[in-house]
Amino acid sequence: MSRLFGRIFQLAYVVEDIDAAITHWTGTMGVGPFVRFPVPLAADWLEVRGRRVPADEDIFAAVAIAYSGDTMIELIQPGSAPSPYREFLAAGRRGAHHLGTYADDYDAQMAAARAAGIGVAMEGVLPMSRFAYLDTDLLWPGTMVEIIEATPEMHAYFGAIQAAARSWDGKTPEQAI
């Protein structure tokens, strides 16, 4: 557990082709089924590097998650709009982009990050929770941290996806939840 940011529960990968990534994770790694999020994400608001992003801006081309035990695997295929995901690919990086953590006190943890001089790459409010990507990767590329507000709705939704992984037959790469 991170003493600063909460319990790490997620490994997130930025990919150029989400279908190929799902095929790799389900076929080669044996992780699945993946659940795709509808895009565009229904964010109440979203900021990238302090700039408010219009609801119709193409930040995400596709997002899908699955579980391997207690660890969530998130796959993100960026859209064409500026984002931490686009920055990652433009820098020639591939693979693990960030670690996701549950914030038990989102406001206090965000205040502590800002007080420590850690920048915010992206922040927003989704229907189930608030989230922020912290610029913790400036000194060590590829280890950005995402703080995710731990709401009961978020735990229930992620719990349903984790239950699907426990009973997965290994054949169907994707499932709706």
Protein backbone atom coordinates (compact mmCIF):
# COMPACT_ATOMS: atom_id res chain seq x y z
CA MET A 1 0.00 0.00 0.00
CA SER A 2 1.24 3.48 -0.80
CA ARG A 3 1.36 5.55 2.39
CA LEU A 4 0.71 8.64 0.29
CA PHE A 5 -1.83 7.57 -2.28
CA GLY A 6 -3.71 4.53 -0.92
CA ARG A 7 -3.91 0.87 -1.84
CA ILE A 8 -2.63 0.03 -5.32
CA PHE A 9 -5.20 -2.16 -7.06
CA GLN A 10 -4.77 -1.39 -10.75
CA LEU A 11 -2.12 -1.70 -13.46
CA ALA A 12 -3.05 0.36 -16.50
CA TYR A 13 -1.58 0.04 -19.97
CA VAL A 14 -1.79 2.52 -22.82
CA VAL A 15 -2.19 0.61 -26.07
CA GLU A 16 -2.42 1.59 -29.71
CA ASP A 17 -4.88 -1.21 -30.56
CA ILE A 18 -7.25 -2.29 -27.80
CA ASP A 19 -8.55 -5.30 -29.75
CA ALA A 20 -5.02 -6.67 -30.15
CA ALA A 21 -4.32 -5.95 -26.46
CA ILE A 22 -7.46 -7.82 -25.36
CA THR A 23 -6.46 -10.75 -27.58
CA HIS A 24 -3.00 -10.77 -25.94
CA TRP A 25 -4.29 -10.51 -22.39
CA THR A 26 -7.01 -13.15 -22.81
CA GLY A 27 -5.15 -15.57 -25.08
CA THR A 28 -1.54 -15.28 -23.92
CA MET A 29 -1.91 -14.09 -20.33
CA GLY A 30 -5.18 -15.89 -19.50
CA VAL A 31 -6.76 -12.75 -18.02
CA GLY A 32 -10.37 -11.88 -18.72
CA PRO A 33 -13.08 -11.30 -19.56
CA PHE A 34 -12.65 -7.62 -20.38
CA VAL A 35 -15.48 -5.14 -19.90
CA ARG A 36 -15.44 -2.10 -22.17
CA PHE A 37 -16.49 1.30 -20.93
CA PRO A 38 -18.77 3.29 -23.20
CA VAL A 39 -16.90 6.12 -24.91
CA PRO A 40 -17.02 9.00 -24.74
CA LEU A 41 -16.99 8.61 -20.96
CA ALA A 42 -19.88 10.43 -19.32
CA ALA A 43 -17.71 12.78 -17.26
CA ASP A 44 -19.33 15.60 -15.28
CA TRP A 45 -16.12 17.49 -16.01
CA LEU A 46 -12.58 16.71 -17.10
CA GLU A 47 -9.37 18.75 -17.11
CA VAL A 48 -6.11 17.91 -18.89
CA ARG A 49 -3.14 19.89 -17.58
CA GLY A 50 -5.51 22.49 -16.10
CA ARG A 51 -7.54 22.95 -19.29
CA ARG A 52 -11.24 22.13 -19.10
CA VAL A 53 -12.05 19.56 -21.79
CA PRO A 54 -15.34 19.78 -23.72
CA ALA A 55 -17.56 16.70 -23.28
CA ASP A 56 -17.25 15.76 -26.95
CA GLU A 57 -13.43 15.89 -27.05
CA ASP A 58 -11.86 12.60 -28.13
CA ILE A 59 -9.71 11.71 -25.07
CA PHE A 60 -10.48 7.98 -25.17
CA ALA A 61 -10.88 5.79 -28.24
CA ALA A 62 -11.52 2.73 -26.05
CA VAL A 63 -11.18 1.61 -22.42
CA ALA A 64 -11.54 -1.95 -21.08
CA ILE A 65 -10.86 -3.59 -17.71
CA ALA A 66 -10.51 -7.12 -16.37
CA TYR A 67 -9.18 -8.70 -13.20
CA SER A 68 -6.34 -11.05 -12.43
CA GLY A 69 -7.06 -12.03 -8.83
CA ASP A 70 -7.27 -8.78 -6.87
CA THR A 71 -5.43 -6.76 -9.53
CA MET A 72 -7.35 -4.82 -12.13
CA ILE A 73 -5.84 -4.67 -15.61
CA GLU A 74 -6.96 -1.56 -17.48
CA LEU A 75 -6.34 -1.06 -21.20
CA ILE A 76 -6.62 2.45 -22.63
CA GLN A 77 -6.48 3.28 -26.32
CA PRO A 78 -6.17 7.06 -26.52
CA GLY A 79 -8.25 9.18 -28.82
CA SER A 80 -6.83 12.01 -30.90
CA ALA A 81 -7.18 14.77 -28.27
CA PRO A 82 -4.28 15.84 -26.05
CA SER A 83 -4.04 13.63 -22.95
CA PRO A 84 -1.51 11.94 -20.67
CA TYR A 85 -2.07 8.83 -22.82
CA ARG A 86 -1.12 10.64 -26.05
CA GLU A 87 1.92 12.15 -24.26
CA PHE A 88 3.00 8.65 -23.20
CA LEU A 89 2.88 7.27 -26.75
CA ALA A 90 4.43 10.42 -28.27
CA ALA A 91 7.40 10.01 -25.90
CA GLY A 92 8.00 6.56 -27.43
CA ARG A 93 6.77 4.72 -24.35
CA ARG A 94 4.72 1.54 -24.45
CA GLY A 95 3.13 -0.67 -21.82
CA ALA A 96 2.42 0.21 -18.19
CA HIS A 97 1.27 3.81 -17.93
CA HIS A 98 0.02 4.18 -14.37
CA LEU A 99 -0.86 2.51 -11.09
CA GLY A 100 -4.40 3.01 -9.83
CA THR A 101 -4.96 3.57 -6.11
CA TYR A 102 -8.09 3.80 -3.99
CA ALA A 103 -8.33 7.08 -2.10
CA ASP A 104 -10.22 6.74 1.17
CA ASP A 105 -10.05 10.55 1.60
CA TYR A 106 -9.75 11.94 -1.91
CA ASP A 107 -9.71 15.61 -0.87
CA ALA A 108 -6.99 15.10 1.76
CA GLN A 109 -4.86 12.96 -0.56
CA MET A 110 -5.14 15.49 -3.40
CA ALA A 111 -4.26 18.33 -1.00
CA ALA A 112 -1.22 16.38 0.21
CA ALA A 113 -0.08 15.72 -3.37
CA ARG A 114 -0.42 19.38 -4.29
CA ALA A 115 1.35 20.46 -1.08
CA ALA A 116 4.22 18.13 -2.01
CA GLY A 117 4.49 19.88 -5.39
CA ILE A 118 3.13 16.97 -7.41
CA GLY A 119 1.36 18.22 -10.51
CA VAL A 120 -1.99 16.99 -11.81
CA ALA A 121 -1.93 15.75 -15.39
CA MET A 122 -5.64 15.00 -15.62
CA GLU A 123 -8.56 15.21 -13.21
CA GLY A 124 -12.27 14.70 -13.47
CA VAL A 125 -15.57 13.49 -12.13
CA LEU A 126 -17.18 10.37 -13.57
CA PRO A 127 -20.65 9.11 -12.63
CA MET A 128 -19.21 6.80 -9.94
CA SER A 129 -16.23 8.75 -8.58
CA ARG A 130 -13.62 11.44 -8.84
CA PHE A 131 -10.14 10.65 -10.18
CA ALA A 132 -6.81 12.35 -10.83
CA TYR A 133 -3.61 11.38 -12.62
CA LEU A 134 -0.62 12.70 -10.71
CA ASP A 135 2.64 13.63 -12.42
CA THR A 136 4.64 11.19 -10.34
CA ASP A 137 6.38 9.94 -13.50
CA LEU A 138 8.49 13.05 -14.11
CA LEU A 139 11.55 11.54 -12.40
CA TRP A 140 10.79 7.92 -13.27
CA PRO A 141 8.96 7.59 -16.61
CA GLY A 142 5.96 5.30 -16.76
CA THR A 143 4.93 5.33 -13.13
CA MET A 144 2.17 7.90 -13.04
CA VAL A 145 -0.29 7.40 -10.17
CA GLU A 146 -4.05 7.63 -10.53
CA ILE A 147 -6.01 8.41 -7.39
CA ILE A 148 -9.56 7.08 -7.58
CA GLU A 149 -12.21 7.99 -5.04
CA ALA A 150 -13.36 4.77 -3.37
CA THR A 151 -17.16 5.08 -3.54
CA PRO A 152 -19.61 2.25 -2.78
CA GLU A 153 -20.87 2.41 -6.40
CA MET A 154 -17.35 2.04 -7.76
CA HIS A 155 -16.60 -0.91 -5.47
CA ALA A 156 -19.86 -2.61 -6.51
CA TYR A 157 -19.17 -2.17 -10.22
CA PHE A 158 -15.56 -3.30 -9.98
CA GLY A 159 -16.67 -6.18 -7.74
CA ALA A 160 -19.05 -7.40 -10.46
CA ILE A 161 -16.19 -7.37 -12.99
CA GLN A 162 -13.94 -9.23 -10.55
CA ALA A 163 -16.68 -11.84 -10.00
CA ALA A 164 -16.93 -12.31 -13.78
CA ALA A 165 -13.18 -12.98 -13.87
CA ARG A 166 -13.47 -15.64 -11.15
CA SER A 167 -16.10 -17.53 -13.13
CA TRP A 168 -14.64 -16.84 -16.59
CA ASP A 169 -14.51 -19.85 -18.92
CA GLY A 170 -11.42 -18.53 -20.71
CA LYS A 171 -13.19 -18.50 -24.07
CA THR A 172 -15.12 -15.24 -24.41
CA PRO A 173 -12.67 -12.31 -24.36
CA GLU A 174 -15.28 -9.66 -23.57
CA GLN A 175 -18.40 -9.48 -21.45
CA ALA A 176 -20.95 -6.76 -20.64
CA ILE A 177 -21.57 -5.93 -16.99
